[in-house]
Amino acid sequence: MTGPLITDWSAVSPYGIGRAAFEEGFRSGRTTSVPLENEDWLVGERADTEACLVPGFVIKEVLGKKGTRAMDRVTGLVVTTVGRLLDTTGGPLPSEDPDEDTALVLGTTHGSHKSMVDITRDTLTDEKPYYINTAHIPNAIGNASAGMCAIWYGLKGPNATIAAGRNSGIATLNYGRRLLATGRARTVLCGAAEEYTTDRSWLEWHTRGADETGTVLGEGCAMVQLRAPAADGRGDDDALAEVLGVSSGITGPDGVAAGLETVVGNALRRAGIGREEVWAVSASAPAGEAGRQELKALDALFGDLDPLTLGRPGQIGDTGAATSAFQVVATLTAAQDSARAAGRVAVLTSVDRDGALGCALLRMR
């Protein structure tokens, strides 16, 4: 039985806005880090000195002034990406023609760090704890970005947000395929987003381990279009990849490497895939020991097969919740350039600092 098919995708990344910009940047291998010279990005003495930002991303310039006055950065990234994926020019679809069969599933870490910190700051510094700026409230709700997309583009299907950290992109694939399997939607737009703000920078700085120094933060959003295969197989020629399986787990007493080997092994077994079918591997490669353990697990599983090792996400910085979503679109880009990819399998893994582990198997078309 054929699994859900990825038929299209788009991204807003430090390479630029849109799929073509990401493909060009990924193929070039160039880094995107820029110095933070604008004082708005600085966070006291412990500010990041550089970051991987979406170039020229000003919400009102990209999406227009209407409906964006109180829009936060992460929502702007998501609305822009979904718009490119839907191939619209911006603005909501006609309300009399809602798309009730299209679902949207978005992965995140905390939604907008800035919006939540702004509300917390108001409760502590204003005369009364309830004297908060009400414009900040909608953006601090976890489902704000996904909900805004539904409103902006007239999507009436299921609308969900998954807060799974670096595993969010992989988790949305699993959620999306379940929506398709149960007939809740015919098309699912799934992916993940992360913003760069001074608030995220501050939080990341103070929560990094001693082995995570030198991390450069990035931002962006990547979304794929997922749909069920046709019963007779007709009309599936435009598919880019098939989602064979998604597996998750947690780091146990034996460490990240052992736990990830189990997660990947379970995914392969459930999908009925042999190791010899693997064409490429993609690691989330977080900074520090967790990243080294992730690579150790992949080497133990597939090192003797010499699969294509896709470039680490570091070229666009640590994109947090969007990491595994960018791994997906990077894999799809690499497959276009490889004569060996068609019909074979890519293994994508993700490791979060909190111990969550994830794996997705994609068969290239």
Foldseek 3Di string as FASTA:
>chain_A
DFFKFFQDKWKQFLQAGILVSVLVCQVVVAFQKDADPDPQQADPPPGDRIARERPPDDLCVQANDPPCPLPDDFLSQLLRRVCVRVVHRHFEDPLVDAAAQEEEEEEEAQQDLVLVVQLVVCLVPPPHNPPHDPSSVLSRDQQNSQVVNCVGHRYNAHTYYHNDKQCRALVQVVVVRVCQVVVRHFKYKYAYWFDRGNSVRVVCVVPDDPQQPPFHAFTMIMITMIGGADPVNPPCPSTFKTWQFKFKDFADPVGLLVGQLVRVVVGCVVSVHDLLLEAEEEEQQHTGDNNVSRVVNCCVSRVVVPHHYRDHPPSRTNHMRRSQSVVVSSVSSVLVVDPPQAQGKYWYWYADPVGMIMIIIIRGD
